[in-house]
C-alpha atoms as a PDB file:
ATOM      1  CA  UNK A   1      83.504 -81.125 -67.647  1.00  0.00           C
ATOM      2  CA  UNK A   2      86.783 -80.384 -69.341  1.00  0.00           C
ATOM      3  CA  UNK A   3      86.729 -77.102 -71.245  1.00  0.00           C
ATOM      4  CA  UNK A   4      90.353 -77.265 -72.345  1.00  0.00           C
ATOM      5  CA  UNK A   5      89.950 -80.592 -74.137  1.00  0.00           C
ATOM      6  CA  UNK A   6      90.015 -79.144 -77.610  1.00  0.00           C
ATOM      7  CA  UNK A   7      90.273 -75.931 -79.487  1.00  0.00           C
ATOM      8  CA  UNK A   8      87.099 -74.648 -81.095  1.00  0.00           C
ATOM      9  CA  UNK A   9      87.326 -73.517 -84.662  1.00  0.00           C
ATOM     10  CA  UNK A  10      84.947 -70.864 -85.892  1.00  0.00           C
ATOM     11  CA  UNK A  11      83.979 -71.100 -89.537  1.00  0.00           C
ATOM     12  CA  UNK A  12      83.251 -67.928 -91.500  1.00  0.00           C
ATOM     13  CA  UNK A  13      79.660 -67.617 -92.742  1.00  0.00           C
ATOM     14  CA  UNK A  14      78.783 -69.189 -96.052  1.00  0.00           C
ATOM     15  CA  UNK A  15      78.360 -66.998 -99.077  1.00  0.00           C
ATOM     16  CA  UNK A  16      74.889 -65.491 -99.027  1.00  0.00           C
ATOM     17  CA  UNK A  17      74.706 -65.403 -95.246  1.00  0.00           C
ATOM     18  CA  UNK A  18      75.281 -61.957 -93.841  1.00  0.00           C
ATOM     19  CA  UNK A  19      74.535 -60.021 -90.642  1.00  0.00           C
ATOM     20  CA  UNK A  20      71.099 -58.717 -89.816  1.00  0.00           C
ATOM     21  CA  UNK A  21      70.485 -54.996 -90.104  1.00  0.00           C
ATOM     22  CA  UNK A  22      70.136 -54.367 -86.361  1.00  0.00           C
ATOM     23  CA  UNK A  23      70.518 -50.589 -86.735  1.00  0.00           C
ATOM     24  CA  UNK A  24      67.934 -50.427 -89.553  1.00  0.00           C
ATOM     25  CA  UNK A  25      70.415 -48.714 -91.849  1.00  0.00           C
ATOM     26  CA  UNK A  26      68.826 -50.233 -94.953  1.00  0.00           C
ATOM     27  CA  UNK A  27      65.318 -50.776 -93.657  1.00  0.00           C
ATOM     28  CA  UNK A  28      63.726 -48.140 -95.908  1.00  0.00           C
ATOM     29  CA  UNK A  29      65.322 -49.704 -99.002  1.00  0.00           C
ATOM     30  CA  UNK A  30      64.124 -53.132 -97.890  1.00  0.00           C
ATOM     31  CA  UNK A  31      60.571 -51.875 -97.308  1.00  0.00           C
ATOM     32  CA  UNK A  32      60.484 -50.183-100.721  1.00  0.00           C
ATOM     33  CA  UNK A  33      61.589 -53.419-102.379  1.00  0.00           C
ATOM     34  CA  UNK A  34      59.084 -55.578-100.474  1.00  0.00           C
ATOM     35  CA  UNK A  35      56.270 -53.105-101.206  1.00  0.00           C
ATOM     36  CA  UNK A  36      57.166 -53.237-104.897  1.00  0.00           C
ATOM     37  CA  UNK A  37      57.042 -57.047-104.827  1.00  0.00           C
ATOM     38  CA  UNK A  38      53.629 -56.880-103.205  1.00  0.00           C
ATOM     39  CA  UNK A  39      52.304 -54.392-105.761  1.00  0.00           C
ATOM     40  CA  UNK A  40      53.749 -56.343-108.695  1.00  0.00           C
ATOM     41  CA  UNK A  41      52.457 -59.717-107.407  1.00  0.00           C
ATOM     42  CA  UNK A  42      55.999 -61.040-106.728  1.00  0.00           C
ATOM     43  CA  UNK A  43      57.266 -60.359-110.250  1.00  0.00           C
ATOM     44  CA  UNK A  44      60.782 -59.577-109.065  1.00  0.00           C
ATOM     45  CA  UNK A  45      62.048 -58.400-112.448  1.00  0.00           C
ATOM     46  CA  UNK A  46      59.800 -55.336-112.125  1.00  0.00           C
ATOM     47  CA  UNK A  47      61.517 -54.405-108.836  1.00  0.00           C
ATOM     48  CA  UNK A  48      65.051 -54.953-110.108  1.00  0.00           C
ATOM     49  CA  UNK A  49      66.368 -51.446-109.422  1.00  0.00           C
ATOM     50  CA  UNK A  50      65.006 -51.456-105.868  1.00  0.00           C
ATOM     51  CA  UNK A  51      66.659 -54.811-105.257  1.00  0.00           C
ATOM     52  CA  UNK A  52      69.923 -53.433-106.595  1.00  0.00           C
ATOM     53  CA  UNK A  53      69.629 -50.353-104.352  1.00  0.00           C
ATOM     54  CA  UNK A  54      68.971 -52.525-101.307  1.00  0.00           C
ATOM     55  CA  UNK A  55      71.992 -54.744-101.928  1.00  0.00           C
ATOM     56  CA  UNK A  56      74.167 -51.692-102.586  1.00  0.00           C
ATOM     57  CA  UNK A  57      73.003 -50.185 -99.278  1.00  0.00           C
ATOM     58  CA  UNK A  58      73.948 -53.397 -97.448  1.00  0.00           C
ATOM     59  CA  UNK A  59      77.390 -53.356 -99.045  1.00  0.00           C
ATOM     60  CA  UNK A  60      77.885 -49.664 -98.244  1.00  0.00           C
ATOM     61  CA  UNK A  61      77.063 -50.271 -94.574  1.00  0.00           C
ATOM     62  CA  UNK A  62      79.249 -53.412 -94.435  1.00  0.00           C
ATOM     63  CA  UNK A  63      76.302 -55.719 -93.846  1.00  0.00           C
ATOM     64  CA  UNK A  64      77.532 -57.953 -96.640  1.00  0.00           C
ATOM     65  CA  UNK A  65      80.715 -58.393 -98.624  1.00  0.00           C
ATOM     66  CA  UNK A  66      81.276 -55.915-101.435  1.00  0.00           C
ATOM     67  CA  UNK A  67      80.721 -57.548-104.798  1.00  0.00           C
ATOM     68  CA  UNK A  68      80.229 -56.368-108.323  1.00  0.00           C
ATOM     69  CA  UNK A  69      76.474 -56.063-108.855  1.00  0.00           C
ATOM     70  CA  UNK A  70      76.910 -57.059-112.508  1.00  0.00           C
ATOM     71  CA  UNK A  71      78.208 -60.432-111.315  1.00  0.00           C
ATOM     72  CA  UNK A  72      75.166 -60.759-109.055  1.00  0.00           C
ATOM     73  CA  UNK A  73      72.781 -60.641-112.016  1.00  0.00           C
ATOM     74  CA  UNK A  74      72.293 -56.895-112.403  1.00  0.00           C
ATOM     75  CA  UNK A  75      74.179 -56.392-115.670  1.00  0.00           C
ATOM     76  CA  UNK A  76      72.426 -55.021-118.756  1.00  0.00           C
ATOM     77  CA  UNK A  77      72.764 -58.428-120.446  1.00  0.00           C
ATOM     78  CA  UNK A  78      70.708 -60.127-117.721  1.00  0.00           C
ATOM     79  CA  UNK A  79      67.946 -57.531-117.665  1.00  0.00           C
ATOM     80  CA  UNK A  80      64.501 -58.984-118.371  1.00  0.00           C
ATOM     81  CA  UNK A  81      62.667 -56.948-120.994  1.00  0.00           C
ATOM     82  CA  UNK A  82      59.662 -59.135-121.714  1.00  0.00           C
ATOM     83  CA  UNK A  83      57.899 -61.906-119.861  1.00  0.00           C
ATOM     84  CA  UNK A  84      55.037 -64.204-120.691  1.00  0.00           C
ATOM     85  CA  UNK A  85      52.826 -65.469-117.915  1.00  0.00           C
ATOM     86  CA  UNK A  86      51.758 -69.104-117.954  1.00  0.00           C
ATOM     87  CA  UNK A  87      47.966 -69.241-118.383  1.00  0.00           C
ATOM     88  CA  UNK A  88      47.275 -72.510-116.444  1.00  0.00           C
ATOM     89  CA  UNK A  89      44.514 -73.470-118.896  1.00  0.00           C
ATOM     90  CA  UNK A  90      45.507 -77.148-118.776  1.00  0.00           C
ATOM     91  CA  UNK A  91      45.223 -77.213-114.989  1.00  0.00           C
ATOM     92  CA  UNK A  92      41.777 -75.584-115.093  1.00  0.00           C
ATOM     93  CA  UNK A  93      40.684 -78.400-117.388  1.00  0.00           C
ATOM     94  CA  UNK A  94      41.861 -81.013-114.881  1.00  0.00           C
ATOM     95  CA  UNK A  95      45.327 -81.838-116.237  1.00  0.00           C
ATOM     96  CA  UNK A  96      47.707 -83.365-113.693  1.00  0.00           C
ATOM     97  CA  UNK A  97      51.398 -83.538-114.608  1.00  0.00           C
ATOM     98  CA  UNK A  98      52.653 -87.103-114.938  1.00  0.00           C
ATOM     99  CA  UNK A  99      49.220 -88.722-114.818  1.00  0.00           C
ATOM    100  CA  UNK A 100      49.371 -89.480-118.547  1.00  0.00           C
ATOM    101  CA  UNK A 101      52.265 -91.934-118.004  1.00  0.00           C
ATOM    102  CA  UNK A 102      51.146 -95.560-118.173  1.00  0.00           C
ATOM    103  CA  UNK A 103      52.967 -98.848-117.925  1.00  0.00           C
ATOM    104  CA  UNK A 104      55.978 -99.828-115.865  1.00  0.00           C
ATOM    105  CA  UNK A 105      58.175 -96.948-114.826  1.00  0.00           C
ATOM    106  CA  UNK A 106      61.908 -97.427-115.177  1.00  0.00           C
ATOM    107  CA  UNK A 107      64.330 -94.994-113.781  1.00  0.00           C
ATOM    108  CA  UNK A 108      66.940 -94.519-111.138  1.00  0.00           C
ATOM    109  CA  UNK A 109      64.336 -94.298-108.350  1.00  0.00           C
ATOM    110  CA  UNK A 110      62.348 -97.404-109.307  1.00  0.00           C
END
């Protein structure tokens, strides 16, 4: 084996990939956020502030690059004030998406 054959190049992590919290510096913030998601049945907009706190904690402890939280979707303009849940009434009645299409299909896959 020849270990000097070539130089290895190390790539920096992609955006969105950051170190694990081995020292549990932000574990309480993470648990609060996950508990909120559980209580709110995964409606993340209801746990927005906890998510923001968790990301801020990670940035403060250098577990991720510092970024403006407004640019990450936490600005006042992107705040969700009202949501409407889909009622799934069609599915309960037996509706299957796409089943109503008849005839020859033409498209880029066919």
